[in-house]
Amino acid sequence: MLNKKIARRYAKALLEIGKEEDKLEKFKEELKAFSELLKEFPELNACLTSPLYSNEELKGIVSFLNKKLNLSDTILKFLYLLIDKRRAIYLEEIIAAYEDFINETFGYVKAKIITTKPLSKKNYEKIKEALERVTEKKILLETKTDPQIIGGVVAEVGDKVFDGSIRNQLQKMREKLA
C-alpha cells in the first residue's frame, strides 16, 4: 500500500510538470522506453535498485542509458531525483500510476476482456462500444483468452468485473442447487 502512495505522489508531480510543458504523452513514451530497456537488461534494473552503489554511480548508469534513449531533460532529472531519494525501486509503479493519471486526464479507462478464443474485429468493436456506453468513458481495451471460462465474456473495467462466463453461470446454478 505504501508503494502505491509513493508511486502516485511521484507520478502526480510528473503529471503536473507534463501539463505545464505540454508533454504528457512524450514523458509517458520516454518512461516506457526506459522501463523496456530495464526489462531487456535486468542486471541494470538490479543496479539501479541496489543500495550497494552510490547515487553518482547510479546517475552515471542513467546518463549512459540516456545516450541510447535520448530522454528529455525533465525525465532525466526525474530519474536522477528517484536515484537521490532512493525511489528507483518504485519506477514500475510510478510509470503505471502516471499512465493511470494520463488516462484519467483524457477521460480514458482501461478494460480487459477475457474470452475462450480471440475476438473478431467486429465483436471487439461491439464490446468496446457497449463498455463505452455503460461507463460513459473512452475505453482502452485489452483482450485475453482463457479456455477455462468455457464460453461467454468476462469484462474487467477499472475495479468492476462483469462476469458473463458460462463457468460463472454454472457456479451460480451449483450454489442454488446446493
N, C-alpha and C. Protein backbone atom coordinates (compact mmCIF):
# COMPACT_ATOMS: atom_id res chain seq x y z
N MET A 1 0.82 -1.19 0.00
CA MET A 1 0.00 0.00 0.00
C MET A 1 0.87 1.26 0.00
N LEU A 2 1.93 1.22 0.78
CA LEU A 2 2.84 2.36 0.84
C LEU A 2 3.49 2.59 -0.52
N ASN A 3 3.81 1.48 -1.22
CA ASN A 3 4.41 1.59 -2.55
C ASN A 3 3.51 2.40 -3.48
N LYS A 4 2.22 2.12 -3.44
CA LYS A 4 1.28 2.83 -4.32
C LYS A 4 1.21 4.31 -3.96
N LYS A 5 1.22 4.61 -2.69
CA LYS A 5 1.17 6.01 -2.27
C LYS A 5 2.40 6.77 -2.76
N ILE A 6 3.55 6.15 -2.58
CA ILE A 6 4.80 6.77 -3.02
C ILE A 6 4.78 6.95 -4.54
N ALA A 7 4.39 5.89 -5.24
CA ALA A 7 4.36 5.94 -6.71
C ALA A 7 3.39 7.01 -7.19
N ARG A 8 2.22 7.09 -6.58
CA ARG A 8 1.22 8.08 -7.01
C ARG A 8 1.73 9.51 -6.75
N ARG A 9 2.43 9.71 -5.67
CA ARG A 9 2.95 11.05 -5.36
C ARG A 9 3.94 11.51 -6.43
N TYR A 10 4.88 10.64 -6.79
CA TYR A 10 5.86 10.99 -7.81
C TYR A 10 5.21 11.13 -9.19
N ALA A 11 4.28 10.22 -9.49
CA ALA A 11 3.59 10.28 -10.78
C ALA A 11 2.76 11.55 -10.90
N LYS A 12 2.12 11.94 -9.82
CA LYS A 12 1.30 13.16 -9.83
C LYS A 12 2.19 14.39 -10.06
N ALA A 13 3.34 14.42 -9.43
CA ALA A 13 4.26 15.54 -9.61
C ALA A 13 4.73 15.61 -11.07
N LEU A 14 5.06 14.46 -11.63
CA LEU A 14 5.49 14.44 -13.03
C LEU A 14 4.35 14.83 -13.96
N LEU A 15 3.14 14.43 -13.62
CA LEU A 15 1.97 14.80 -14.42
C LEU A 15 1.81 16.32 -14.46
N GLU A 16 1.98 16.97 -13.33
CA GLU A 16 1.84 18.43 -13.27
C GLU A 16 2.90 19.11 -14.13
N ILE A 17 4.11 18.59 -14.08
CA ILE A 17 5.19 19.14 -14.92
C ILE A 17 4.86 18.89 -16.39
N GLY A 18 4.35 17.70 -16.69
CA GLY A 18 3.98 17.37 -18.06
C GLY A 18 2.90 18.28 -18.61
N LYS A 19 1.95 18.63 -17.75
CA LYS A 19 0.89 19.55 -18.16
C LYS A 19 1.48 20.93 -18.44
N GLU A 20 2.35 21.39 -17.55
CA GLU A 20 2.97 22.71 -17.73
C GLU A 20 3.77 22.78 -19.03
N GLU A 21 4.49 21.71 -19.32
CA GLU A 21 5.34 21.69 -20.51
C GLU A 21 4.61 21.17 -21.75
N ASP A 22 3.36 20.74 -21.57
CA ASP A 22 2.54 20.17 -22.65
C ASP A 22 3.25 18.96 -23.28
N LYS A 23 3.73 18.07 -22.40
CA LYS A 23 4.48 16.90 -22.86
C LYS A 23 4.03 15.62 -22.15
N LEU A 24 2.76 15.51 -21.83
CA LEU A 24 2.26 14.34 -21.11
C LEU A 24 2.58 13.04 -21.84
N GLU A 25 2.24 12.98 -23.11
CA GLU A 25 2.46 11.76 -23.89
C GLU A 25 3.95 11.49 -24.11
N LYS A 26 4.70 12.54 -24.35
CA LYS A 26 6.15 12.39 -24.57
C LYS A 26 6.81 11.79 -23.34
N PHE A 27 6.44 12.29 -22.16
CA PHE A 27 7.01 11.75 -20.93
C PHE A 27 6.63 10.28 -20.76
N LYS A 28 5.38 9.95 -21.09
CA LYS A 28 4.92 8.57 -20.97
C LYS A 28 5.75 7.66 -21.88
N GLU A 29 5.96 8.08 -23.11
CA GLU A 29 6.75 7.29 -24.06
C GLU A 29 8.19 7.12 -23.59
N GLU A 30 8.77 8.18 -23.05
CA GLU A 30 10.16 8.11 -22.59
C GLU A 30 10.28 7.18 -21.38
N LEU A 31 9.34 7.28 -20.45
CA LEU A 31 9.37 6.39 -19.29
C LEU A 31 9.20 4.94 -19.71
N LYS A 32 8.31 4.70 -20.66
CA LYS A 32 8.10 3.34 -21.15
C LYS A 32 9.37 2.81 -21.83
N ALA A 33 10.02 3.65 -22.61
CA ALA A 33 11.25 3.24 -23.29
C ALA A 33 12.33 2.88 -22.26
N PHE A 34 12.44 3.70 -21.22
CA PHE A 34 13.42 3.44 -20.17
C PHE A 34 13.09 2.13 -19.45
N SER A 35 11.81 1.94 -19.15
CA SER A 35 11.36 0.73 -18.49
C SER A 35 11.63 -0.51 -19.35
N GLU A 36 11.35 -0.41 -20.64
CA GLU A 36 11.59 -1.54 -21.55
C GLU A 36 13.08 -1.91 -21.59
N LEU A 37 13.93 -0.90 -21.57
CA LEU A 37 15.36 -1.15 -21.57
C LEU A 37 15.78 -1.88 -20.29
N LEU A 38 15.18 -1.49 -19.17
CA LEU A 38 15.49 -2.17 -17.91
C LEU A 38 14.98 -3.61 -17.91
N LYS A 39 13.84 -3.83 -18.56
CA LYS A 39 13.32 -5.20 -18.66
C LYS A 39 14.21 -6.05 -19.57
N GLU A 40 14.74 -5.42 -20.60
CA GLU A 40 15.61 -6.12 -21.53
C GLU A 40 16.93 -6.52 -20.87
N PHE A 41 17.39 -5.67 -19.94
CA PHE A 41 18.64 -5.93 -19.23
C PHE A 41 18.37 -5.87 -17.72
N PRO A 42 17.87 -6.95 -17.14
CA PRO A 42 17.50 -6.97 -15.72
C PRO A 42 18.65 -6.60 -14.78
N GLU A 43 19.88 -6.86 -15.21
CA GLU A 43 21.02 -6.52 -14.35
C GLU A 43 21.13 -5.01 -14.16
N LEU A 44 20.72 -4.22 -15.15
CA LEU A 44 20.70 -2.76 -14.99
C LEU A 44 19.68 -2.35 -13.94
N ASN A 45 18.51 -2.99 -14.01
CA ASN A 45 17.47 -2.70 -13.02
C ASN A 45 17.95 -3.07 -11.62
N ALA A 46 18.65 -4.19 -11.52
CA ALA A 46 19.18 -4.62 -10.22
C ALA A 46 20.18 -3.59 -9.69
N CYS A 47 20.99 -3.03 -10.57
CA CYS A 47 21.95 -1.99 -10.16
C CYS A 47 21.23 -0.75 -9.65
N LEU A 48 20.22 -0.31 -10.41
CA LEU A 48 19.52 0.93 -10.05
C LEU A 48 18.78 0.83 -8.73
N THR A 49 18.40 -0.37 -8.35
CA THR A 49 17.65 -0.54 -7.11
C THR A 49 18.52 -1.04 -5.96
N SER A 50 19.79 -1.23 -6.24
CA SER A 50 20.70 -1.76 -5.23
C SER A 50 21.26 -0.65 -4.33
N PRO A 51 21.32 -0.90 -3.04
CA PRO A 51 21.93 0.08 -2.12
C PRO A 51 23.46 0.04 -2.14
N LEU A 52 24.03 -0.89 -2.91
CA LEU A 52 25.48 -1.04 -2.95
C LEU A 52 26.18 0.04 -3.76
N TYR A 53 25.43 0.72 -4.62
CA TYR A 53 26.02 1.73 -5.50
C TYR A 53 25.69 3.13 -5.00
N SER A 54 26.63 4.03 -5.18
CA SER A 54 26.39 5.42 -4.78
C SER A 54 25.44 6.08 -5.77
N ASN A 55 24.87 7.19 -5.35
CA ASN A 55 23.97 7.94 -6.23
C ASN A 55 24.69 8.38 -7.49
N GLU A 56 25.94 8.79 -7.35
CA GLU A 56 26.70 9.24 -8.52
C GLU A 56 26.94 8.11 -9.51
N GLU A 57 27.22 6.91 -9.00
CA GLU A 57 27.39 5.75 -9.89
C GLU A 57 26.09 5.43 -10.62
N LEU A 58 24.98 5.50 -9.89
CA LEU A 58 23.68 5.21 -10.49
C LEU A 58 23.30 6.26 -11.53
N LYS A 59 23.59 7.51 -11.23
CA LYS A 59 23.33 8.58 -12.20
C LYS A 59 24.19 8.38 -13.45
N GLY A 60 25.39 7.88 -13.26
CA GLY A 60 26.26 7.57 -14.39
C GLY A 60 25.65 6.50 -15.29
N ILE A 61 25.04 5.50 -14.67
CA ILE A 61 24.37 4.44 -15.43
C ILE A 61 23.22 5.04 -16.24
N VAL A 62 22.40 5.87 -15.57
CA VAL A 62 21.27 6.50 -16.25
C VAL A 62 21.76 7.40 -17.38
N SER A 63 22.82 8.14 -17.12
CA SER A 63 23.39 9.01 -18.14
C SER A 63 23.87 8.20 -19.34
N PHE A 64 24.49 7.06 -19.09
CA PHE A 64 24.94 6.18 -20.16
C PHE A 64 23.75 5.66 -20.96
N LEU A 65 22.70 5.24 -20.26
CA LEU A 65 21.49 4.75 -20.94
C LEU A 65 20.82 5.86 -21.75
N ASN A 66 20.95 7.08 -21.26
CA ASN A 66 20.34 8.21 -21.95
C ASN A 66 20.96 8.43 -23.33
N LYS A 67 22.21 8.04 -23.51
CA LYS A 67 22.84 8.17 -24.83
C LYS A 67 22.11 7.34 -25.86
N LYS A 68 21.55 6.22 -25.43
CA LYS A 68 20.78 5.36 -26.34
C LYS A 68 19.35 5.86 -26.49
N LEU A 69 18.76 6.36 -25.40
CA LEU A 69 17.34 6.72 -25.41
C LEU A 69 17.06 8.18 -25.76
N ASN A 70 18.02 9.05 -25.52
CA ASN A 70 17.85 10.48 -25.78
C ASN A 70 16.62 11.04 -25.06
N LEU A 71 16.60 10.89 -23.74
CA LEU A 71 15.48 11.34 -22.92
C LEU A 71 15.48 12.87 -22.80
N SER A 72 14.31 13.41 -22.55
CA SER A 72 14.21 14.86 -22.33
C SER A 72 14.88 15.21 -21.01
N ASP A 73 15.26 16.47 -20.87
CA ASP A 73 15.91 16.93 -19.63
C ASP A 73 15.02 16.67 -18.42
N THR A 74 13.72 16.87 -18.59
CA THR A 74 12.78 16.69 -17.46
C THR A 74 12.78 15.25 -16.98
N ILE A 75 12.71 14.31 -17.90
CA ILE A 75 12.68 12.89 -17.50
C ILE A 75 14.03 12.49 -16.91
N LEU A 76 15.10 12.99 -17.48
CA LEU A 76 16.42 12.70 -16.95
C LEU A 76 16.55 13.21 -15.51
N LYS A 77 16.12 14.44 -15.27
CA LYS A 77 16.15 15.00 -13.91
C LYS A 77 15.23 14.22 -12.98
N PHE A 78 14.08 13.77 -13.52
CA PHE A 78 13.14 12.98 -12.73
C PHE A 78 13.80 11.67 -12.29
N LEU A 79 14.49 11.00 -13.21
CA LEU A 79 15.18 9.76 -12.87
C LEU A 79 16.30 10.00 -11.86
N TYR A 80 17.01 11.12 -12.01
CA TYR A 80 18.04 11.48 -11.04
C TYR A 80 17.42 11.71 -9.66
N LEU A 81 16.26 12.34 -9.63
CA LEU A 81 15.57 12.57 -8.36
C LEU A 81 15.21 11.24 -7.70
N LEU A 82 14.70 10.31 -8.50
CA LEU A 82 14.37 8.98 -7.95
C LEU A 82 15.61 8.31 -7.36
N ILE A 83 16.74 8.49 -8.01
CA ILE A 83 18.00 7.93 -7.51
C ILE A 83 18.39 8.62 -6.20
N ASP A 84 18.35 9.95 -6.19
CA ASP A 84 18.73 10.70 -4.99
C ASP A 84 17.87 10.32 -3.79
N LYS A 85 16.59 10.10 -4.04
CA LYS A 85 15.66 9.77 -2.95
C LYS A 85 15.56 8.26 -2.71
N ARG A 86 16.36 7.50 -3.46
CA ARG A 86 16.34 6.03 -3.37
C ARG A 86 14.94 5.47 -3.63
N ARG A 87 14.30 6.01 -4.68
CA ARG A 87 12.95 5.59 -5.06
C ARG A 87 12.92 4.88 -6.41
N ALA A 88 14.08 4.60 -6.99
CA ALA A 88 14.12 3.92 -8.29
C ALA A 88 13.45 2.55 -8.22
N ILE A 89 13.41 1.98 -7.04
CA ILE A 89 12.77 0.68 -6.85
C ILE A 89 11.27 0.74 -7.19
N TYR A 90 10.69 1.94 -7.13
CA TYR A 90 9.26 2.11 -7.40
C TYR A 90 8.98 2.54 -8.84
N LEU A 91 9.98 2.49 -9.72
CA LEU A 91 9.82 3.02 -11.06
C LEU A 91 8.63 2.41 -11.81
N GLU A 92 8.47 1.10 -11.77
CA GLU A 92 7.35 0.46 -12.49
C GLU A 92 6.01 0.94 -11.96
N GLU A 93 5.89 1.05 -10.64
CA GLU A 93 4.64 1.54 -10.04
C GLU A 93 4.39 3.00 -10.40
N ILE A 94 5.47 3.79 -10.47
CA ILE A 94 5.34 5.20 -10.83
C ILE A 94 4.85 5.32 -12.27
N ILE A 95 5.42 4.53 -13.16
CA ILE A 95 5.01 4.57 -14.56
C ILE A 95 3.55 4.16 -14.70
N ALA A 96 3.15 3.11 -13.99
CA ALA A 96 1.75 2.66 -14.05
C ALA A 96 0.81 3.75 -13.52
N ALA A 97 1.19 4.38 -12.41
CA ALA A 97 0.36 5.46 -11.85
C ALA A 97 0.30 6.65 -12.79
N TYR A 98 1.43 6.97 -13.42
CA TYR A 98 1.47 8.08 -14.38
C TYR A 98 0.52 7.81 -15.55
N GLU A 99 0.56 6.58 -16.08
CA GLU A 99 -0.35 6.21 -17.17
C GLU A 99 -1.81 6.32 -16.73
N ASP A 100 -2.10 5.87 -15.50
CA ASP A 100 -3.47 5.98 -14.99
C ASP A 100 -3.91 7.44 -14.90
N PHE A 101 -3.01 8.31 -14.44
CA PHE A 101 -3.34 9.74 -14.35
C PHE A 101 -3.58 10.34 -15.74
N ILE A 102 -2.77 9.95 -16.71
CA ILE A 102 -2.96 10.45 -18.07
C ILE A 102 -4.31 9.98 -18.61
N ASN A 103 -4.60 8.70 -18.42
CA ASN A 103 -5.89 8.17 -18.89
C ASN A 103 -7.05 8.91 -18.25
N GLU A 104 -6.94 9.16 -16.96
CA GLU A 104 -7.97 9.90 -16.23
C GLU A 104 -8.09 11.33 -16.79
N THR A 105 -6.97 11.97 -17.06
CA THR A 105 -6.96 13.33 -17.59
C THR A 105 -7.69 13.41 -18.92
N PHE A 106 -7.48 12.41 -19.78
CA PHE A 106 -8.10 12.41 -21.10
C PHE A 106 -9.42 11.66 -21.16
N GLY A 107 -9.91 11.17 -20.01
CA GLY A 107 -11.21 10.51 -19.97
C GLY A 107 -11.20 9.07 -20.45
N TYR A 108 -10.06 8.40 -20.35
CA TYR A 108 -9.97 7.00 -20.74
C TYR A 108 -10.02 6.11 -19.50
N VAL A 109 -10.48 4.89 -19.71
CA VAL A 109 -10.43 3.90 -18.64
C VAL A 109 -9.94 2.59 -19.25
N LYS A 110 -9.10 1.88 -18.52
CA LYS A 110 -8.58 0.59 -19.00
C LYS A 110 -9.62 -0.49 -18.74
N ALA A 111 -9.75 -1.38 -19.72
CA ALA A 111 -10.65 -2.52 -19.57
C ALA A 111 -9.97 -3.75 -20.15
N LYS A 112 -10.32 -4.90 -19.59
CA LYS A 112 -9.79 -6.16 -20.10
C LYS A 112 -10.96 -7.09 -20.38
N ILE A 113 -10.94 -7.71 -21.54
CA ILE A 113 -11.96 -8.66 -21.94
C ILE A 113 -11.31 -10.04 -21.98
N ILE A 114 -11.97 -11.00 -21.34
CA ILE A 114 -11.47 -12.37 -21.34
C ILE A 114 -12.51 -13.24 -22.05
N THR A 115 -12.06 -13.95 -23.08
CA THR A 115 -12.92 -14.85 -23.84
C THR A 115 -12.21 -16.19 -24.00
N THR A 116 -12.95 -17.20 -24.48
CA THR A 116 -12.33 -18.51 -24.68
C THR A 116 -11.42 -18.54 -25.89
N LYS A 117 -11.74 -17.73 -26.90
CA LYS A 117 -10.90 -17.66 -28.09
C LYS A 117 -10.84 -16.21 -28.55
N PRO A 118 -9.88 -15.87 -29.39
CA PRO A 118 -9.73 -14.47 -29.82
C PRO A 118 -11.01 -13.93 -30.47
N LEU A 119 -11.29 -12.66 -30.20
CA LEU A 119 -12.47 -12.00 -30.75
C LEU A 119 -12.23 -11.55 -32.19
N SER A 120 -13.29 -11.57 -32.97
CA SER A 120 -13.20 -10.98 -34.30
C SER A 120 -13.19 -9.47 -34.13
N LYS A 121 -12.75 -8.77 -35.15
CA LYS A 121 -12.70 -7.30 -35.11
C LYS A 121 -14.09 -6.72 -34.84
N LYS A 122 -15.10 -7.31 -35.45
CA LYS A 122 -16.48 -6.85 -35.30
C LYS A 122 -16.95 -7.00 -33.84
N ASN A 123 -16.72 -8.16 -33.26
CA ASN A 123 -17.13 -8.39 -31.86
C ASN A 123 -16.33 -7.53 -30.89
N TYR A 124 -15.05 -7.36 -31.19
CA TYR A 124 -14.21 -6.48 -30.38
C TYR A 124 -14.80 -5.08 -30.33
N GLU A 125 -15.16 -4.55 -31.49
CA GLU A 125 -15.73 -3.20 -31.57
C GLU A 125 -17.07 -3.12 -30.85
N LYS A 126 -17.91 -4.16 -31.00
CA LYS A 126 -19.22 -4.17 -30.34
C LYS A 126 -19.06 -4.12 -28.82
N ILE A 127 -18.16 -4.93 -28.31
CA ILE A 127 -17.95 -4.97 -26.86
C ILE A 127 -17.37 -3.64 -26.38
N LYS A 128 -16.43 -3.10 -27.13
CA LYS A 128 -15.83 -1.82 -26.76
C LYS A 128 -16.89 -0.72 -26.72
N GLU A 129 -17.74 -0.66 -27.73
CA GLU A 129 -18.81 0.34 -27.77
C GLU A 129 -19.77 0.17 -26.60
N ALA A 130 -20.13 -1.08 -26.29
CA ALA A 130 -21.04 -1.35 -25.17
C ALA A 130 -20.43 -0.88 -23.85
N LEU A 131 -19.15 -1.16 -23.65
CA LEU A 131 -18.47 -0.73 -22.42
C LEU A 131 -18.38 0.80 -22.35
N GLU A 132 -18.15 1.44 -23.49
CA GLU A 132 -18.10 2.90 -23.51
C GLU A 132 -19.46 3.51 -23.15
N ARG A 133 -20.54 2.87 -23.61
CA ARG A 133 -21.89 3.35 -23.24
C ARG A 133 -22.14 3.19 -21.75
N VAL A 134 -21.76 2.04 -21.22
CA VAL A 134 -22.00 1.75 -19.79
C VAL A 134 -21.18 2.68 -18.89
N THR A 135 -19.91 2.88 -19.24
CA THR A 135 -19.01 3.67 -18.39
C THR A 135 -19.05 5.16 -18.71
N GLU A 136 -19.56 5.50 -19.89
CA GLU A 136 -19.57 6.88 -20.36
C GLU A 136 -18.15 7.46 -20.44
N LYS A 137 -17.19 6.59 -20.77
CA LYS A 137 -15.80 6.99 -20.94
C LYS A 137 -15.23 6.26 -22.15
N LYS A 138 -14.12 6.75 -22.63
CA LYS A 138 -13.42 6.07 -23.72
C LYS A 138 -12.67 4.89 -23.13
N ILE A 139 -12.73 3.77 -23.82
CA ILE A 139 -12.15 2.53 -23.30
C ILE A 139 -10.83 2.21 -24.01
N LEU A 140 -9.82 1.87 -23.23
CA LEU A 140 -8.57 1.29 -23.74
C LEU A 140 -8.68 -0.21 -23.48
N LEU A 141 -9.01 -0.96 -24.52
CA LEU A 141 -9.37 -2.35 -24.35
C LEU A 141 -8.22 -3.31 -24.62
N GLU A 142 -8.03 -4.20 -23.68
CA GLU A 142 -7.04 -5.28 -23.79
C GLU A 142 -7.82 -6.58 -23.83
N THR A 143 -7.40 -7.49 -24.69
CA THR A 143 -8.09 -8.78 -24.76
C THR A 143 -7.17 -9.90 -24.29
N LYS A 144 -7.79 -10.92 -23.74
CA LYS A 144 -7.07 -12.07 -23.23
C LYS A 144 -7.94 -13.30 -23.47
N THR A 145 -7.33 -14.43 -23.71
CA THR A 145 -8.10 -15.66 -23.86
C THR A 145 -7.84 -16.57 -22.67
N ASP A 146 -8.90 -17.28 -22.26
CA ASP A 146 -8.82 -18.22 -21.15
C ASP A 146 -9.86 -19.31 -21.39
N PRO A 147 -9.46 -20.48 -21.85
CA PRO A 147 -10.42 -21.54 -22.15
C PRO A 147 -11.18 -22.04 -20.92
N GLN A 148 -10.69 -21.75 -19.72
CA GLN A 148 -11.35 -22.22 -18.51
C GLN A 148 -12.69 -21.54 -18.23
N ILE A 149 -12.97 -20.42 -18.92
CA ILE A 149 -14.28 -19.78 -18.68
C ILE A 149 -15.38 -20.47 -19.48
N ILE A 150 -15.02 -21.44 -20.28
CA ILE A 150 -15.89 -22.31 -21.08
C ILE A 150 -16.55 -21.57 -22.24
N GLY A 151 -17.11 -20.41 -21.99
CA GLY A 151 -17.76 -19.60 -23.02
C GLY A 151 -18.18 -18.29 -22.42
N GLY A 152 -18.71 -17.40 -23.24
CA GLY A 152 -19.13 -16.10 -22.75
C GLY A 152 -17.97 -15.12 -22.66
N VAL A 153 -18.18 -14.06 -21.89
CA VAL A 153 -17.19 -12.99 -21.79
C VAL A 153 -17.09 -12.52 -20.34
N VAL A 154 -15.87 -12.24 -19.91
CA VAL A 154 -15.64 -11.59 -18.63
C VAL A 154 -15.00 -10.24 -18.95
N ALA A 155 -15.60 -9.17 -18.45
CA ALA A 155 -15.07 -7.83 -18.69
C ALA A 155 -14.65 -7.23 -17.35
N GLU A 156 -13.41 -6.75 -17.30
CA GLU A 156 -12.90 -6.05 -16.12
C GLU A 156 -12.69 -4.60 -16.51
N VAL A 157 -13.46 -3.71 -15.90
CA VAL A 157 -13.37 -2.28 -16.20
C VAL A 157 -13.04 -1.57 -14.90
N GLY A 158 -11.80 -1.06 -14.84
CA GLY A 158 -11.36 -0.45 -13.59
C GLY A 158 -11.38 -1.51 -12.51
N ASP A 159 -12.12 -1.26 -11.44
CA ASP A 159 -12.22 -2.24 -10.36
C ASP A 159 -13.52 -3.03 -10.39
N LYS A 160 -14.30 -2.90 -11.47
CA LYS A 160 -15.56 -3.64 -11.63
C LYS A 160 -15.35 -4.82 -12.56
N VAL A 161 -16.04 -5.92 -12.24
CA VAL A 161 -15.97 -7.12 -13.07
C VAL A 161 -17.38 -7.48 -13.50
N PHE A 162 -17.57 -7.63 -14.81
CA PHE A 162 -18.83 -8.08 -15.37
C PHE A 162 -18.57 -9.49 -15.89
N ASP A 163 -19.09 -10.48 -15.14
CA ASP A 163 -18.78 -11.88 -15.46
C ASP A 163 -19.98 -12.53 -16.16
N GLY A 164 -19.89 -12.66 -17.46
CA GLY A 164 -20.92 -13.32 -18.25
C GLY A 164 -20.42 -14.65 -18.78
N SER A 165 -19.51 -15.28 -18.04
CA SER A 165 -18.94 -16.55 -18.49
C SER A 165 -19.86 -17.71 -18.14
N ILE A 166 -19.76 -18.75 -18.92
CA ILE A 166 -20.54 -19.96 -18.64
C ILE A 166 -20.06 -20.57 -17.34
N ARG A 167 -18.78 -20.52 -17.07
CA ARG A 167 -18.24 -21.04 -15.81
C ARG A 167 -18.92 -20.37 -14.62
N ASN A 168 -19.08 -19.05 -14.68
CA ASN A 168 -19.73 -18.32 -13.60
C ASN A 168 -21.20 -18.72 -13.48
N GLN A 169 -21.88 -18.86 -14.61
CA GLN A 169 -23.30 -19.25 -14.58
C GLN A 169 -23.47 -20.65 -14.01
N LEU A 170 -22.58 -21.57 -14.36
CA LEU A 170 -22.61 -22.92 -13.80
C LEU A 170 -22.37 -22.90 -12.29
N GLN A 171 -21.45 -22.05 -11.85
CA GLN A 171 -21.16 -21.92 -10.43
C GLN A 171 -22.39 -21.43 -9.68
N LYS A 172 -23.09 -20.44 -10.25
CA LYS A 172 -24.30 -19.92 -9.61
C LYS A 172 -25.38 -20.99 -9.53
N MET A 173 -25.54 -21.77 -10.61
CA MET A 173 -26.52 -22.85 -10.60
C MET A 173 -26.17 -23.89 -9.54
N ARG A 174 -24.90 -24.22 -9.41
CA ARG A 174 -24.44 -25.18 -8.42
C ARG A 174 -24.78 -24.69 -7.02
N GLU A 175 -24.57 -23.38 -6.76
CA GLU A 175 -24.88 -22.80 -5.44
C GLU A 175 -26.38 -22.85 -5.15
N LYS A 176 -27.21 -22.58 -6.16
CA LYS A 176 -28.66 -22.62 -5.97
C LYS A 176 -29.15 -24.03 -5.68
N LEU A 177 -28.55 -25.00 -6.37
CA LEU A 177 -28.96 -26.39 -6.19
C LEU A 177 -28.49 -26.95 -4.85
N ALA A 178 -27.42 -26.41 -4.32
CA ALA A 178 -26.87 -26.93 -3.06
C ALA A 178 -27.62 -26.37 -1.92
